[in-house]
PDB file of N, CA and C in Angstrom:
ATOM      1  N   UNK A   1     236.212  11.509 253.716  1.00  0.00           N
ATOM      2  CA  UNK A   1     235.508  12.381 254.643  1.00  0.00           C
ATOM      3  C   UNK A   1     234.369  13.072 253.893  1.00  0.00           C
ATOM      4  N   UNK A   2     233.212  13.126 254.494  1.00  0.00           N
ATOM      5  CA  UNK A   2     232.048  13.806 253.928  1.00  0.00           C
ATOM      6  C   UNK A   2     232.118  15.298 254.255  1.00  0.00           C
ATOM      7  N   UNK A   3     231.662  16.113 253.320  1.00  0.00           N
ATOM      8  CA  UNK A   3     231.587  17.553 253.527  1.00  0.00           C
ATOM      9  C   UNK A   3     230.130  17.944 253.706  1.00  0.00           C
ATOM     10  N   UNK A   4     229.859  18.684 254.780  1.00  0.00           N
ATOM     11  CA  UNK A   4     228.500  19.135 255.080  1.00  0.00           C
ATOM     12  C   UNK A   4     228.459  20.655 255.112  1.00  0.00           C
ATOM     13  N   UNK A   5     227.398  21.212 254.550  1.00  0.00           N
ATOM     14  CA  UNK A   5     227.138  22.644 254.641  1.00  0.00           C
ATOM     15  C   UNK A   5     225.903  22.805 255.510  1.00  0.00           C
ATOM     16  N   UNK A   6     226.026  23.623 256.551  1.00  0.00           N
ATOM     17  CA  UNK A   6     224.901  23.896 257.443  1.00  0.00           C
ATOM     18  C   UNK A   6     224.571  25.379 257.323  1.00  0.00           C
ATOM     19  N   UNK A   7     223.472  25.677 256.639  1.00  0.00           N
ATOM     20  CA  UNK A   7     223.011  27.063 256.543  1.00  0.00           C
ATOM     21  C   UNK A   7     222.365  27.428 257.869  1.00  0.00           C
ATOM     22  N   UNK A   8     222.738  28.567 258.417  1.00  0.00           N
ATOM     23  CA  UNK A   8     222.254  28.939 259.745  1.00  0.00           C
ATOM     24  C   UNK A   8     222.974  28.143 260.824  1.00  0.00           C
ATOM     25  N   UNK A   9     224.238  27.838 260.581  1.00  0.00           N
ATOM     26  CA  UNK A   9     224.988  26.969 261.481  1.00  0.00           C
ATOM     27  C   UNK A   9     225.857  27.668 262.499  1.00  0.00           C
ATOM     28  N   UNK A  10     225.672  28.968 262.683  1.00  0.00           N
ATOM     29  CA  UNK A  10     226.551  29.696 263.601  1.00  0.00           C
ATOM     30  C   UNK A  10     226.033  29.750 265.033  1.00  0.00           C
ATOM     31  N   UNK A  11     224.756  29.410 265.236  1.00  0.00           N
ATOM     32  CA  UNK A  11     224.213  29.432 266.606  1.00  0.00           C
ATOM     33  C   UNK A  11     222.957  28.561 266.678  1.00  0.00           C
ATOM     34  N   UNK A  12     222.505  28.328 267.884  1.00  0.00           N
ATOM     35  CA  UNK A  12     221.261  27.599 268.106  1.00  0.00           C
ATOM     36  C   UNK A  12     221.272  26.179 267.563  1.00  0.00           C
ATOM     37  N   UNK A  13     220.139  25.768 266.994  1.00  0.00           N
ATOM     38  CA  UNK A  13     219.993  24.412 266.463  1.00  0.00           C
ATOM     39  C   UNK A  13     221.016  24.148 265.364  1.00  0.00           C
ATOM     40  N   UNK A  14     221.246  25.132 264.506  1.00  0.00           N
ATOM     41  CA  UNK A  14     222.221  24.958 263.433  1.00  0.00           C
ATOM     42  C   UNK A  14     223.614  24.669 263.952  1.00  0.00           C
ATOM     43  N   UNK A  15     224.029  25.362 265.010  1.00  0.00           N
ATOM     44  CA  UNK A  15     225.344  25.107 265.606  1.00  0.00           C
ATOM     45  C   UNK A  15     225.394  23.712 266.206  1.00  0.00           C
ATOM     46  N   UNK A  16     224.307  23.291 266.853  1.00  0.00           N
ATOM     47  CA  UNK A  16     224.257  21.942 267.427  1.00  0.00           C
ATOM     48  C   UNK A  16     224.373  20.886 266.325  1.00  0.00           C
ATOM     49  N   UNK A  17     223.704  21.111 265.206  1.00  0.00           N
ATOM     50  CA  UNK A  17     223.805  20.183 264.076  1.00  0.00           C
ATOM     51  C   UNK A  17     225.235  20.161 263.542  1.00  0.00           C
ATOM     52  N   UNK A  18     225.826  21.341 263.361  1.00  0.00           N
ATOM     53  CA  UNK A  18     227.206  21.426 262.873  1.00  0.00           C
ATOM     54  C   UNK A  18     228.165  20.706 263.818  1.00  0.00           C
ATOM     55  N   UNK A  19     228.010  20.925 265.111  1.00  0.00           N
ATOM     56  CA  UNK A  19     228.870  20.261 266.098  1.00  0.00           C
ATOM     57  C   UNK A  19     228.695  18.747 266.053  1.00  0.00           C
ATOM     58  N   UNK A  20     227.460  18.286 265.897  1.00  0.00           N
ATOM     59  CA  UNK A  20     227.201  16.841 265.815  1.00  0.00           C
ATOM     60  C   UNK A  20     227.859  16.238 264.578  1.00  0.00           C
ATOM     61  N   UNK A  21     227.749  16.929 263.451  1.00  0.00           N
ATOM     62  CA  UNK A  21     228.381  16.432 262.226  1.00  0.00           C
ATOM     63  C   UNK A  21     229.901  16.394 262.367  1.00  0.00           C
ATOM     64  N   UNK A  22     230.473  17.414 263.014  1.00  0.00           N
ATOM     65  CA  UNK A  22     231.920  17.416 263.262  1.00  0.00           C
ATOM     66  C   UNK A  22     232.321  16.231 264.135  1.00  0.00           C
ATOM     67  N   UNK A  23     231.487  15.918 265.126  1.00  0.00           N
ATOM     68  CA  UNK A  23     231.826  14.845 266.067  1.00  0.00           C
ATOM     69  C   UNK A  23     231.854  13.469 265.404  1.00  0.00           C
ATOM     70  N   UNK A  24     231.184  13.326 264.259  1.00  0.00           N
ATOM     71  CA  UNK A  24     231.223  12.038 263.554  1.00  0.00           C
ATOM     72  C   UNK A  24     232.179  12.076 262.358  1.00  0.00           C
ATOM     73  N   UNK A  25     233.001  13.122 262.303  1.00  0.00           N
ATOM     74  CA  UNK A  25     234.073  13.169 261.327  1.00  0.00           C
ATOM     75  C   UNK A  25     233.804  13.917 260.040  1.00  0.00           C
ATOM     76  N   UNK A  26     232.731  14.653 259.977  1.00  0.00           N
ATOM     77  CA  UNK A  26     232.442  15.440 258.769  1.00  0.00           C
ATOM     78  C   UNK A  26     233.249  16.731 258.756  1.00  0.00           C
ATOM     79  N   UNK A  27     233.614  17.148 257.566  1.00  0.00           N
ATOM     80  CA  UNK A  27     234.179  18.477 257.363  1.00  0.00           C
ATOM     81  C   UNK A  27     232.978  19.405 257.224  1.00  0.00           C
ATOM     82  N   UNK A  28     232.815  20.362 258.140  1.00  0.00           N
ATOM     83  CA  UNK A  28     231.597  21.171 258.200  1.00  0.00           C
ATOM     84  C   UNK A  28     231.878  22.618 257.811  1.00  0.00           C
ATOM     85  N   UNK A  29     231.022  23.130 256.940  1.00  0.00           N
ATOM     86  CA  UNK A  29     231.024  24.543 256.582  1.00  0.00           C
ATOM     87  C   UNK A  29     229.725  25.101 257.148  1.00  0.00           C
ATOM     88  N   UNK A  30     229.825  25.860 258.233  1.00  0.00           N
ATOM     89  CA  UNK A  30     228.644  26.431 258.887  1.00  0.00           C
ATOM     90  C   UNK A  30     228.552  27.903 258.505  1.00  0.00           C
ATOM     91  N   UNK A  31     227.406  28.304 257.982  1.00  0.00           N
ATOM     92  CA  UNK A  31     227.250  29.681 257.527  1.00  0.00           C
ATOM     93  C   UNK A  31     226.275  30.448 258.407  1.00  0.00           C
ATOM     94  N   UNK A  32     226.431  31.760 258.371  1.00  0.00           N
ATOM     95  CA  UNK A  32     225.466  32.654 259.014  1.00  0.00           C
ATOM     96  C   UNK A  32     224.884  33.550 257.930  1.00  0.00           C
ATOM     97  N   UNK A  33     223.873  34.322 258.279  1.00  0.00           N
ATOM     98  CA  UNK A  33     223.262  35.204 257.273  1.00  0.00           C
ATOM     99  C   UNK A  33     224.229  36.275 256.787  1.00  0.00           C
ATOM    100  N   UNK A  34     225.260  36.575 257.576  1.00  0.00           N
ATOM    101  CA  UNK A  34     226.262  37.551 257.147  1.00  0.00           C
ATOM    102  C   UNK A  34     227.222  36.961 256.115  1.00  0.00           C
ATOM    103  N   UNK A  35     227.437  35.655 256.179  1.00  0.00           N
ATOM    104  CA  UNK A  35     228.363  34.996 255.259  1.00  0.00           C
ATOM    105  C   UNK A  35     227.702  34.568 253.951  1.00  0.00           C
ATOM    106  N   UNK A  36     226.422  34.236 254.011  1.00  0.00           N
ATOM    107  CA  UNK A  36     225.705  33.768 252.828  1.00  0.00           C
ATOM    108  C   UNK A  36     224.287  34.308 252.870  1.00  0.00           C
ATOM    109  N   UNK A  37     223.990  35.188 251.935  1.00  0.00           N
ATOM    110  CA  UNK A  37     222.653  35.770 251.834  1.00  0.00           C
ATOM    111  C   UNK A  37     221.847  34.930 250.851  1.00  0.00           C
ATOM    112  N   UNK A  38     220.989  34.058 251.361  1.00  0.00           N
ATOM    113  CA  UNK A  38     220.241  33.145 250.492  1.00  0.00           C
ATOM    114  C   UNK A  38     219.176  33.852 249.661  1.00  0.00           C
ATOM    115  N   UNK A  39     218.947  35.132 249.912  1.00  0.00           N
ATOM    116  CA  UNK A  39     218.007  35.887 249.082  1.00  0.00           C
ATOM    117  C   UNK A  39     218.710  36.547 247.895  1.00  0.00           C
ATOM    118  N   UNK A  40     220.031  36.374 247.810  1.00  0.00           N
ATOM    119  CA  UNK A  40     220.824  36.979 246.738  1.00  0.00           C
ATOM    120  C   UNK A  40     221.414  35.889 245.846  1.00  0.00           C
ATOM    121  N   UNK A  41     221.011  35.876 244.580  1.00  0.00           N
ATOM    122  CA  UNK A  41     221.539  34.894 243.633  1.00  0.00           C
ATOM    123  C   UNK A  41     223.049  35.023 243.503  1.00  0.00           C
ATOM    124  N   UNK A  42     223.554  36.249 243.534  1.00  0.00           N
ATOM    125  CA  UNK A  42     225.001  36.470 243.435  1.00  0.00           C
ATOM    126  C   UNK A  42     225.736  35.834 244.619  1.00  0.00           C
ATOM    127  N   UNK A  43     225.209  36.010 245.820  1.00  0.00           N
ATOM    128  CA  UNK A  43     225.819  35.435 247.018  1.00  0.00           C
ATOM    129  C   UNK A  43     225.798  33.907 246.969  1.00  0.00           C
ATOM    130  N   UNK A  44     224.670  33.343 246.567  1.00  0.00           N
ATOM    131  CA  UNK A  44     224.537  31.883 246.491  1.00  0.00           C
ATOM    132  C   UNK A  44     225.460  31.323 245.412  1.00  0.00           C
ATOM    133  N   UNK A  45     225.519  31.969 244.260  1.00  0.00           N
ATOM    134  CA  UNK A  45     226.384  31.509 243.167  1.00  0.00           C
ATOM    135  C   UNK A  45     227.852  31.536 243.575  1.00  0.00           C
ATOM    136  N   UNK A  46     228.264  32.603 244.232  1.00  0.00           N
ATOM    137  CA  UNK A  46     229.645  32.724 244.696  1.00  0.00           C
ATOM    138  C   UNK A  46     229.982  31.621 245.698  1.00  0.00           C
ATOM    139  N   UNK A  47     229.064  31.380 246.629  1.00  0.00           N
ATOM    140  CA  UNK A  47     229.273  30.329 247.627  1.00  0.00           C
ATOM    141  C   UNK A  47     229.378  28.966 246.946  1.00  0.00           C
ATOM    142  N   UNK A  48     228.488  28.696 245.987  1.00  0.00           N
ATOM    143  CA  UNK A  48     228.473  27.405 245.294  1.00  0.00           C
ATOM    144  C   UNK A  48     229.756  27.178 244.496  1.00  0.00           C
ATOM    145  N   UNK A  49     230.311  28.235 243.919  1.00  0.00           N
ATOM    146  CA  UNK A  49     231.569  28.106 243.182  1.00  0.00           C
ATOM    147  C   UNK A  49     232.715  27.730 244.110  1.00  0.00           C
ATOM    148  N   UNK A  50     232.725  28.280 245.317  1.00  0.00           N
ATOM    149  CA  UNK A  50     233.791  27.996 246.286  1.00  0.00           C
ATOM    150  C   UNK A  50     233.646  26.609 246.898  1.00  0.00           C
ATOM    151  N   UNK A  51     232.413  26.164 247.085  1.00  0.00           N
ATOM    152  CA  UNK A  51     232.133  24.898 247.771  1.00  0.00           C
ATOM    153  C   UNK A  51     231.282  24.021 246.858  1.00  0.00           C
ATOM    154  N   UNK A  52     231.893  23.535 245.776  1.00  0.00           N
ATOM    155  CA  UNK A  52     231.105  22.830 244.773  1.00  0.00           C
ATOM    156  C   UNK A  52     230.992  21.325 244.993  1.00  0.00           C
ATOM    157  N   UNK A  53     231.653  20.785 245.993  1.00  0.00           N
ATOM    158  CA  UNK A  53     231.535  19.360 246.291  1.00  0.00           C
ATOM    159  C   UNK A  53     230.999  19.199 247.706  1.00  0.00           C
ATOM    160  N   UNK A  54     229.696  19.044 247.805  1.00  0.00           N
ATOM    161  CA  UNK A  54     229.018  18.933 249.098  1.00  0.00           C
ATOM    162  C   UNK A  54     228.267  17.611 249.142  1.00  0.00           C
ATOM    163  N   UNK A  55     228.446  16.873 250.237  1.00  0.00           N
ATOM    164  CA  UNK A  55     227.755  15.594 250.406  1.00  0.00           C
ATOM    165  C   UNK A  55     226.461  15.740 251.197  1.00  0.00           C
ATOM    166  N   UNK A  56     226.452  16.673 252.146  1.00  0.00           N
ATOM    167  CA  UNK A  56     225.297  16.858 253.035  1.00  0.00           C
ATOM    168  C   UNK A  56     224.953  18.344 253.058  1.00  0.00           C
ATOM    169  N   UNK A  57     223.679  18.656 252.870  1.00  0.00           N
ATOM    170  CA  UNK A  57     223.223  20.046 252.916  1.00  0.00           C
ATOM    171  C   UNK A  57     222.099  20.158 253.932  1.00  0.00           C
ATOM    172  N   UNK A  58     222.306  20.984 254.958  1.00  0.00           N
ATOM    173  CA  UNK A  58     221.298  21.232 255.988  1.00  0.00           C
ATOM    174  C   UNK A  58     220.789  22.659 255.803  1.00  0.00           C
ATOM    175  N   UNK A  59     219.498  22.783 255.526  1.00  0.00           N
ATOM    176  CA  UNK A  59     218.879  24.101 255.330  1.00  0.00           C
ATOM    177  C   UNK A  59     218.192  24.509 256.625  1.00  0.00           C
ATOM    178  N   UNK A  60     218.906  25.232 257.456  1.00  0.00           N
ATOM    179  CA  UNK A  60     218.407  25.635 258.763  1.00  0.00           C
ATOM    180  C   UNK A  60     218.314  27.160 258.816  1.00  0.00           C
ATOM    181  N   UNK A  61     217.608  27.717 257.863  1.00  0.00           N
ATOM    182  CA  UNK A  61     217.472  29.172 257.825  1.00  0.00           C
ATOM    183  C   UNK A  61     216.050  29.561 258.166  1.00  0.00           C
ATOM    184  N   UNK A  62     215.912  30.761 258.647  1.00  0.00           N
ATOM    185  CA  UNK A  62     214.579  31.266 258.946  1.00  0.00           C
ATOM    186  C   UNK A  62     213.883  31.732 257.680  1.00  0.00           C
ATOM    187  N   UNK A  63     212.680  32.148 257.843  1.00  0.00           N
ATOM    188  CA  UNK A  63     211.921  32.671 256.715  1.00  0.00           C
ATOM    189  C   UNK A  63     212.226  34.135 256.501  1.00  0.00           C
ATOM    190  N   UNK A  64     211.471  34.761 255.631  1.00  0.00           N
ATOM    191  CA  UNK A  64     211.680  36.190 255.390  1.00  0.00           C
ATOM    192  C   UNK A  64     211.318  37.004 256.624  1.00  0.00           C
ATOM    193  N   UNK A  65     211.858  38.204 256.686  1.00  0.00           N
ATOM    194  CA  UNK A  65     211.535  39.080 257.810  1.00  0.00           C
ATOM    195  C   UNK A  65     210.049  39.412 257.785  1.00  0.00           C
ATOM    196  N   UNK A  66     209.428  39.507 258.951  1.00  0.00           N
ATOM    197  CA  UNK A  66     207.997  39.840 258.984  1.00  0.00           C
ATOM    198  C   UNK A  66     207.735  41.214 258.377  1.00  0.00           C
ATOM    199  N   UNK A  67     206.689  41.299 257.598  1.00  0.00           N
ATOM    200  CA  UNK A  67     206.286  42.568 256.992  1.00  0.00           C
ATOM    201  C   UNK A  67     204.775  42.674 257.084  1.00  0.00           C
ATOM    202  N   UNK A  68     204.287  43.896 257.019  1.00  0.00           N
ATOM    203  CA  UNK A  68     202.849  44.109 257.037  1.00  0.00           C
ATOM    204  C   UNK A  68     202.262  43.621 255.713  1.00  0.00           C
ATOM    205  N   UNK A  69     201.144  42.929 255.788  1.00  0.00           N
ATOM    206  CA  UNK A  69     200.512  42.357 254.602  1.00  0.00           C
ATOM    207  C   UNK A  69     199.381  43.250 254.128  1.00  0.00           C
ATOM    208  N   UNK A  70     199.395  43.574 252.860  1.00  0.00           N
ATOM    209  CA  UNK A  70     198.340  44.417 252.280  1.00  0.00           C
ATOM    210  C   UNK A  70     197.632  43.656 251.178  1.00  0.00           C
ATOM    211  N   UNK A  71     196.322  43.825 251.087  1.00  0.00           N
ATOM    212  CA  UNK A  71     195.543  43.254 249.974  1.00  0.00           C
ATOM    213  C   UNK A  71     195.213  44.319 248.971  1.00  0.00           C
TER     214      UNK A  71
END
């Protein structure tokens, strides 16, 4: 069985991708921003230690929060 990690897999397109992967027999780990903070090295390292054998990685995360741009 293949293991897939879907970042941003708790709703919307990410959930649809996770559901599709499950339907073809993949073991799916779907994350939300509350479960895995991709802006935190500590959070990513901890996640990688727990899930170190991944066959498929789907990066379905948004960009940074909008901020005012100054020159």
